[in-house]
Amino acid sequence: MAFLSLPDVKYRDTFLAGLAEYQAEGRHLDMDARMTAHDFAGFVRGLMARADGSRLPRGWVPSVELWLIDGDAYVGTSHIRTQLNEQLRRYGGNIGYEIRPSRRLQGYGKEILRLTLLWAATLGLERALVTCNHNNVGSRKIIEANGGVFEGESPVNVGSSVILERRYWITIPAQMGDTSE
């Protein structure tokens, strides 16, 4: 049974394998995999520090990172942002999630969002903005299966491209279920 965990060094090898998969498809290229592997404990401490917001780059908001674990293997990542800045209101929202390529199309996307919404309740969120690319039918289905109410679409500049972003609002359950070990 899959569960959410705060980042933990015990998932080092499977996280690094997932990172290699993401990078093979052209994602997370800004992360130096060798440096991350070399000081994985420092990497995890850095992720945990983002939650309190005390040492964030200008324009960033506090973010809790959670890892979806199945058995003892890293499957995916979610982020909960309890505050939104102007950029996140347009693109990104309160919750973001991703599943490593080798574990996609196995129901993990729906599960990571469900568990993340339950965790978000413990952080005081009553509703969350979740966005996805207009062309990402899988994410649309995941968001809608988790109670996402479509608000609309708008063009968003992402790097040198303009994409059409779908916006959904999800009412967050009042009580947290069993989301972690």
C-alpha atoms as a PDB file:
ATOM      1  CA  MET A   1       0.000   0.000   0.000  1.00  0.00           C
ATOM      2  CA  ALA A   2       1.415   3.369  -1.003  1.00  0.00           C
ATOM      3  CA  PHE A   3       1.817   6.144   1.548  1.00  0.00           C
ATOM      4  CA  LEU A   4       3.257   9.652   1.798  1.00  0.00           C
ATOM      5  CA  SER A   5       6.517  10.316   3.604  1.00  0.00           C
ATOM      6  CA  LEU A   6       8.532  13.410   4.272  1.00  0.00           C
ATOM      7  CA  PRO A   7      11.814  13.156   2.341  1.00  0.00           C
ATOM      8  CA  ASP A   8      14.084  10.633   4.017  1.00  0.00           C
ATOM      9  CA  VAL A   9      17.612   9.378   3.330  1.00  0.00           C
ATOM     10  CA  LYS A  10      16.405   5.768   3.523  1.00  0.00           C
ATOM     11  CA  TYR A  11      14.837   6.233   0.063  1.00  0.00           C
ATOM     12  CA  ARG A  12      18.090   7.516  -1.469  1.00  0.00           C
ATOM     13  CA  ASP A  13      18.668   4.813  -4.081  1.00  0.00           C
ATOM     14  CA  THR A  14      15.106   4.671  -5.381  1.00  0.00           C
ATOM     15  CA  PHE A  15      14.820   8.478  -5.382  1.00  0.00           C
ATOM     16  CA  LEU A  16      18.033   8.753  -7.423  1.00  0.00           C
ATOM     17  CA  ALA A  17      16.724   6.114  -9.843  1.00  0.00           C
ATOM     18  CA  GLY A  18      13.550   8.172 -10.216  1.00  0.00           C
ATOM     19  CA  LEU A  19      15.602  11.329 -10.783  1.00  0.00           C
ATOM     20  CA  ALA A  20      17.492   9.552 -13.571  1.00  0.00           C
ATOM     21  CA  GLU A  21      14.153   8.656 -15.182  1.00  0.00           C
ATOM     22  CA  TYR A  22      12.894  12.244 -14.962  1.00  0.00           C
ATOM     23  CA  GLN A  23      16.138  13.567 -16.445  1.00  0.00           C
ATOM     24  CA  ALA A  24      16.030  11.019 -19.284  1.00  0.00           C
ATOM     25  CA  GLU A  25      12.736  12.588 -20.363  1.00  0.00           C
ATOM     26  CA  GLY A  26      14.180  16.113 -20.067  1.00  0.00           C
ATOM     27  CA  ARG A  27      12.816  17.099 -16.657  1.00  0.00           C
ATOM     28  CA  HIS A  28      14.689  18.252 -13.531  1.00  0.00           C
ATOM     29  CA  LEU A  29      17.766  19.011 -15.587  1.00  0.00           C
ATOM     30  CA  ASP A  30      18.553  21.814 -13.136  1.00  0.00           C
ATOM     31  CA  MET A  31      19.323  19.190 -10.469  1.00  0.00           C
ATOM     32  CA  ASP A  32      22.883  17.930 -10.409  1.00  0.00           C
ATOM     33  CA  ALA A  33      22.349  14.191  -9.920  1.00  0.00           C
ATOM     34  CA  ARG A  34      25.959  13.563  -8.910  1.00  0.00           C
ATOM     35  CA  MET A  35      25.929  16.292  -6.251  1.00  0.00           C
ATOM     36  CA  THR A  36      22.543  15.108  -4.998  1.00  0.00           C
ATOM     37  CA  ALA A  37      23.875  11.555  -4.689  1.00  0.00           C
ATOM     38  CA  HIS A  38      27.092  12.717  -3.044  1.00  0.00           C
ATOM     39  CA  ASP A  39      25.351  14.667  -0.264  1.00  0.00           C
ATOM     40  CA  PHE A  40      21.888  13.137  -0.170  1.00  0.00           C
ATOM     41  CA  ALA A  41      21.455  13.959   3.530  1.00  0.00           C
ATOM     42  CA  GLY A  42      22.150  17.623   2.740  1.00  0.00           C
ATOM     43  CA  PHE A  43      19.725  17.459  -0.182  1.00  0.00           C
ATOM     44  CA  VAL A  44      16.994  16.125   2.128  1.00  0.00           C
ATOM     45  CA  ARG A  45      17.746  18.815   4.748  1.00  0.00           C
ATOM     46  CA  GLY A  46      17.373  21.454   2.015  1.00  0.00           C
ATOM     47  CA  LEU A  47      13.969  20.078   0.998  1.00  0.00           C
ATOM     48  CA  MET A  48      12.820  20.081   4.596  1.00  0.00           C
ATOM     49  CA  ALA A  49      14.000  23.688   5.079  1.00  0.00           C
ATOM     50  CA  ARG A  50      11.648  24.865   2.335  1.00  0.00           C
ATOM     51  CA  ALA A  51       8.679  24.126   4.560  1.00  0.00           C
ATOM     52  CA  ASP A  52       9.397  26.817   7.138  1.00  0.00           C
ATOM     53  CA  GLY A  53      10.137  29.477   4.527  1.00  0.00           C
ATOM     54  CA  SER A  54      13.023  31.021   6.431  1.00  0.00           C
ATOM     55  CA  ARG A  55      15.664  30.641   3.703  1.00  0.00           C
ATOM     56  CA  LEU A  56      13.751  30.745   0.449  1.00  0.00           C
ATOM     57  CA  PRO A  57      14.791  32.608  -2.676  1.00  0.00           C
ATOM     58  CA  ARG A  58      12.920  35.857  -3.303  1.00  0.00           C
ATOM     59  CA  GLY A  59       9.462  35.225  -4.707  1.00  0.00           C
ATOM     60  CA  TRP A  60       9.189  31.659  -3.389  1.00  0.00           C
ATOM     61  CA  VAL A  61       6.576  30.519  -0.866  1.00  0.00           C
ATOM     62  CA  PRO A  62       6.961  27.810   1.782  1.00  0.00           C
ATOM     63  CA  SER A  63       6.401  24.327   0.378  1.00  0.00           C
ATOM     64  CA  VAL A  64       6.078  20.943   2.029  1.00  0.00           C
ATOM     65  CA  GLU A  65       7.557  18.206  -0.155  1.00  0.00           C
ATOM     66  CA  LEU A  66       6.184  14.705   0.233  1.00  0.00           C
ATOM     67  CA  TRP A  67       7.289  11.472  -1.393  1.00  0.00           C
ATOM     68  CA  LEU A  68       4.909   8.727  -2.432  1.00  0.00           C
ATOM     69  CA  ILE A  69       6.422   5.439  -1.302  1.00  0.00           C
ATOM     70  CA  ASP A  70       5.259   1.956  -2.256  1.00  0.00           C
ATOM     71  CA  GLY A  71       6.907  -0.791  -0.246  1.00  0.00           C
ATOM     72  CA  ASP A  72      10.296   0.806   0.245  1.00  0.00           C
ATOM     73  CA  ALA A  73      10.519   2.493  -3.152  1.00  0.00           C
ATOM     74  CA  TYR A  74      10.137   6.141  -4.184  1.00  0.00           C
ATOM     75  CA  VAL A  75       7.266   6.486  -6.674  1.00  0.00           C
ATOM     76  CA  GLY A  76       6.627  10.220  -6.925  1.00  0.00           C
ATOM     77  CA  THR A  77       6.680  13.666  -5.341  1.00  0.00           C
ATOM     78  CA  SER A  78       4.011  16.127  -4.295  1.00  0.00           C
ATOM     79  CA  HIS A  79       4.271  19.676  -2.990  1.00  0.00           C
ATOM     80  CA  ILE A  80       1.843  21.594  -0.819  1.00  0.00           C
ATOM     81  CA  ARG A  81       2.016  25.371  -0.837  1.00  0.00           C
ATOM     82  CA  THR A  82      -0.215  26.897   1.834  1.00  0.00           C
ATOM     83  CA  GLN A  83       0.266  30.381   0.341  1.00  0.00           C
ATOM     84  CA  LEU A  84      -0.048  31.514  -3.244  1.00  0.00           C
ATOM     85  CA  ASN A  85       1.843  34.331  -4.893  1.00  0.00           C
ATOM     86  CA  GLU A  86       0.705  35.888  -8.175  1.00  0.00           C
ATOM     87  CA  GLN A  87       2.691  33.399 -10.276  1.00  0.00           C
ATOM     88  CA  LEU A  88       1.285  30.376  -8.443  1.00  0.00           C
ATOM     89  CA  ARG A  89      -2.249  31.724  -8.860  1.00  0.00           C
ATOM     90  CA  ARG A  90      -1.690  31.519 -12.628  1.00  0.00           C
ATOM     91  CA  TYR A  91       0.477  28.403 -12.849  1.00  0.00           C
ATOM     92  CA  GLY A  92       1.209  25.756 -10.262  1.00  0.00           C
ATOM     93  CA  GLY A  93      -1.411  26.356  -7.593  1.00  0.00           C
ATOM     94  CA  ASN A  94      -1.355  25.013  -4.052  1.00  0.00           C
ATOM     95  CA  ILE A  95      -0.551  21.423  -4.977  1.00  0.00           C
ATOM     96  CA  GLY A  96       1.740  19.921  -7.559  1.00  0.00           C
ATOM     97  CA  TYR A  97       2.593  16.277  -8.080  1.00  0.00           C
ATOM     98  CA  GLU A  98       4.549  13.984 -10.370  1.00  0.00           C
ATOM     99  CA  ILE A  99       5.041  10.259 -10.774  1.00  0.00           C
ATOM    100  CA  ARG A 100       8.346   8.811 -11.969  1.00  0.00           C
ATOM    101  CA  PRO A 101       8.073   7.574 -15.567  1.00  0.00           C
ATOM    102  CA  SER A 102       8.394   3.838 -14.801  1.00  0.00           C
ATOM    103  CA  ARG A 103       5.445   4.014 -12.379  1.00  0.00           C
ATOM    104  CA  ARG A 104       2.980   6.001 -14.491  1.00  0.00           C
ATOM    105  CA  LEU A 105      -0.358   4.611 -15.664  1.00  0.00           C
ATOM    106  CA  GLN A 106      -0.617   2.407 -12.557  1.00  0.00           C
ATOM    107  CA  GLY A 107      -3.020   4.521 -10.476  1.00  0.00           C
ATOM    108  CA  TYR A 108      -0.300   6.337  -8.529  1.00  0.00           C
ATOM    109  CA  GLY A 109      -1.233   9.778  -9.870  1.00  0.00           C
ATOM    110  CA  LYS A 110      -4.744   9.569  -8.486  1.00  0.00           C
ATOM    111  CA  GLU A 111      -3.425   8.207  -5.192  1.00  0.00           C
ATOM    112  CA  ILE A 112      -0.698  10.814  -4.693  1.00  0.00           C
ATOM    113  CA  LEU A 113      -3.167  13.648  -5.183  1.00  0.00           C
ATOM    114  CA  ARG A 114      -5.738  12.022  -2.871  1.00  0.00           C
ATOM    115  CA  LEU A 115      -3.175  11.538  -0.104  1.00  0.00           C
ATOM    116  CA  THR A 116      -1.717  15.026  -0.614  1.00  0.00           C
ATOM    117  CA  LEU A 117      -5.162  16.591  -0.224  1.00  0.00           C
ATOM    118  CA  LEU A 118      -5.618  14.740   3.063  1.00  0.00           C
ATOM    119  CA  TRP A 119      -2.209  15.927   4.256  1.00  0.00           C
ATOM    120  CA  ALA A 120      -3.064  19.490   3.200  1.00  0.00           C
ATOM    121  CA  ALA A 121      -6.003  19.421   5.614  1.00  0.00           C
ATOM    122  CA  THR A 122      -3.542  19.074   8.495  1.00  0.00           C
ATOM    123  CA  LEU A 123      -1.818  22.244   7.283  1.00  0.00           C
ATOM    124  CA  GLY A 124      -5.050  24.220   7.467  1.00  0.00           C
ATOM    125  CA  LEU A 125      -6.003  24.326   3.790  1.00  0.00           C
ATOM    126  CA  GLU A 126      -9.740  24.173   3.136  1.00  0.00           C
ATOM    127  CA  ARG A 127      -9.479  24.253  -0.634  1.00  0.00           C
ATOM    128  CA  ALA A 128      -6.656  24.014  -3.119  1.00  0.00           C
ATOM    129  CA  LEU A 129      -5.902  25.296  -6.575  1.00  0.00           C
ATOM    130  CA  VAL A 130      -4.481  22.562  -8.806  1.00  0.00           C
ATOM    131  CA  THR A 131      -3.465  23.303 -12.387  1.00  0.00           C
ATOM    132  CA  CYS A 132      -2.431  21.265 -15.393  1.00  0.00           C
ATOM    133  CA  ASN A 133      -1.554  21.762 -19.025  1.00  0.00           C
ATOM    134  CA  HIS A 134      -4.583  21.769 -21.343  1.00  0.00           C
ATOM    135  CA  ASN A 135      -3.080  18.835 -23.283  1.00  0.00           C
ATOM    136  CA  ASN A 136      -2.365  16.692 -20.207  1.00  0.00           C
ATOM    137  CA  VAL A 137      -5.437  14.467 -20.290  1.00  0.00           C
ATOM    138  CA  GLY A 138      -4.039  12.157 -17.603  1.00  0.00           C
ATOM    139  CA  SER A 139      -3.670  14.987 -15.092  1.00  0.00           C
ATOM    140  CA  ARG A 140      -7.105  16.317 -15.978  1.00  0.00           C
ATOM    141  CA  LYS A 141      -8.621  12.927 -15.151  1.00  0.00           C
ATOM    142  CA  ILE A 142      -6.617  12.657 -11.914  1.00  0.00           C
ATOM    143  CA  ILE A 143      -7.688  16.113 -10.737  1.00  0.00           C
ATOM    144  CA  GLU A 144     -11.334  15.553 -11.675  1.00  0.00           C
ATOM    145  CA  ALA A 145     -11.336  12.115  -9.959  1.00  0.00           C
ATOM    146  CA  ASN A 146     -10.188  13.884  -6.783  1.00  0.00           C
ATOM    147  CA  GLY A 147     -13.051  16.380  -6.825  1.00  0.00           C
ATOM    148  CA  GLY A 148     -11.509  19.092  -8.984  1.00  0.00           C
ATOM    149  CA  VAL A 149     -14.031  21.688 -10.123  1.00  0.00           C
ATOM    150  CA  PHE A 150     -12.988  23.284 -13.407  1.00  0.00           C
ATOM    151  CA  GLU A 151     -12.638  27.061 -13.172  1.00  0.00           C
ATOM    152  CA  GLY A 152     -11.309  27.814 -16.636  1.00  0.00           C
ATOM    153  CA  GLU A 153      -8.261  27.972 -18.874  1.00  0.00           C
ATOM    154  CA  SER A 154      -5.771  30.726 -19.469  1.00  0.00           C
ATOM    155  CA  PRO A 155      -2.547  31.190 -21.421  1.00  0.00           C
ATOM    156  CA  VAL A 156       0.591  31.142 -19.276  1.00  0.00           C
ATOM    157  CA  ASN A 157       4.195  31.958 -20.183  1.00  0.00           C
ATOM    158  CA  VAL A 158       6.447  29.060 -19.196  1.00  0.00           C
ATOM    159  CA  GLY A 159      10.029  29.726 -20.191  1.00  0.00           C
ATOM    160  CA  SER A 160       9.967  30.694 -23.852  1.00  0.00           C
ATOM    161  CA  SER A 161       6.622  28.979 -24.504  1.00  0.00           C
ATOM    162  CA  VAL A 162       3.014  29.902 -23.966  1.00  0.00           C
ATOM    163  CA  ILE A 163       0.816  27.070 -22.744  1.00  0.00           C
ATOM    164  CA  LEU A 164      -2.885  26.856 -22.052  1.00  0.00           C
ATOM    165  CA  GLU A 165      -3.298  26.055 -18.360  1.00  0.00           C
ATOM    166  CA  ARG A 166      -6.432  24.479 -16.838  1.00  0.00           C
ATOM    167  CA  ARG A 167      -7.384  25.602 -13.324  1.00  0.00           C
ATOM    168  CA  TYR A 168      -9.292  23.467 -10.840  1.00  0.00           C
ATOM    169  CA  TRP A 169     -10.388  24.051  -7.262  1.00  0.00           C
ATOM    170  CA  ILE A 170     -10.680  21.134  -4.871  1.00  0.00           C
ATOM    171  CA  THR A 171     -12.413  21.256  -1.502  1.00  0.00           C
ATOM    172  CA  ILE A 172     -10.093  19.563   0.964  1.00  0.00           C
ATOM    173  CA  PRO A 173     -11.447  16.901   3.320  1.00  0.00           C
ATOM    174  CA  ALA A 174     -11.724  18.130   6.895  1.00  0.00           C
ATOM    175  CA  GLN A 175      -9.920  15.181   8.450  1.00  0.00           C
ATOM    176  CA  MET A 176      -6.685  13.506   7.497  1.00  0.00           C
ATOM    177  CA  GLY A 177      -6.851   9.778   6.842  1.00  0.00           C
ATOM    178  CA  ASP A 178      -3.998   7.290   6.912  1.00  0.00           C
ATOM    179  CA  THR A 179      -1.445   9.005   4.669  1.00  0.00           C
ATOM    180  CA  SER A 180       1.827   7.992   6.253  1.00  0.00           C
ATOM    181  CA  GLU A 181       3.557   5.197   8.109  1.00  0.00           C
END
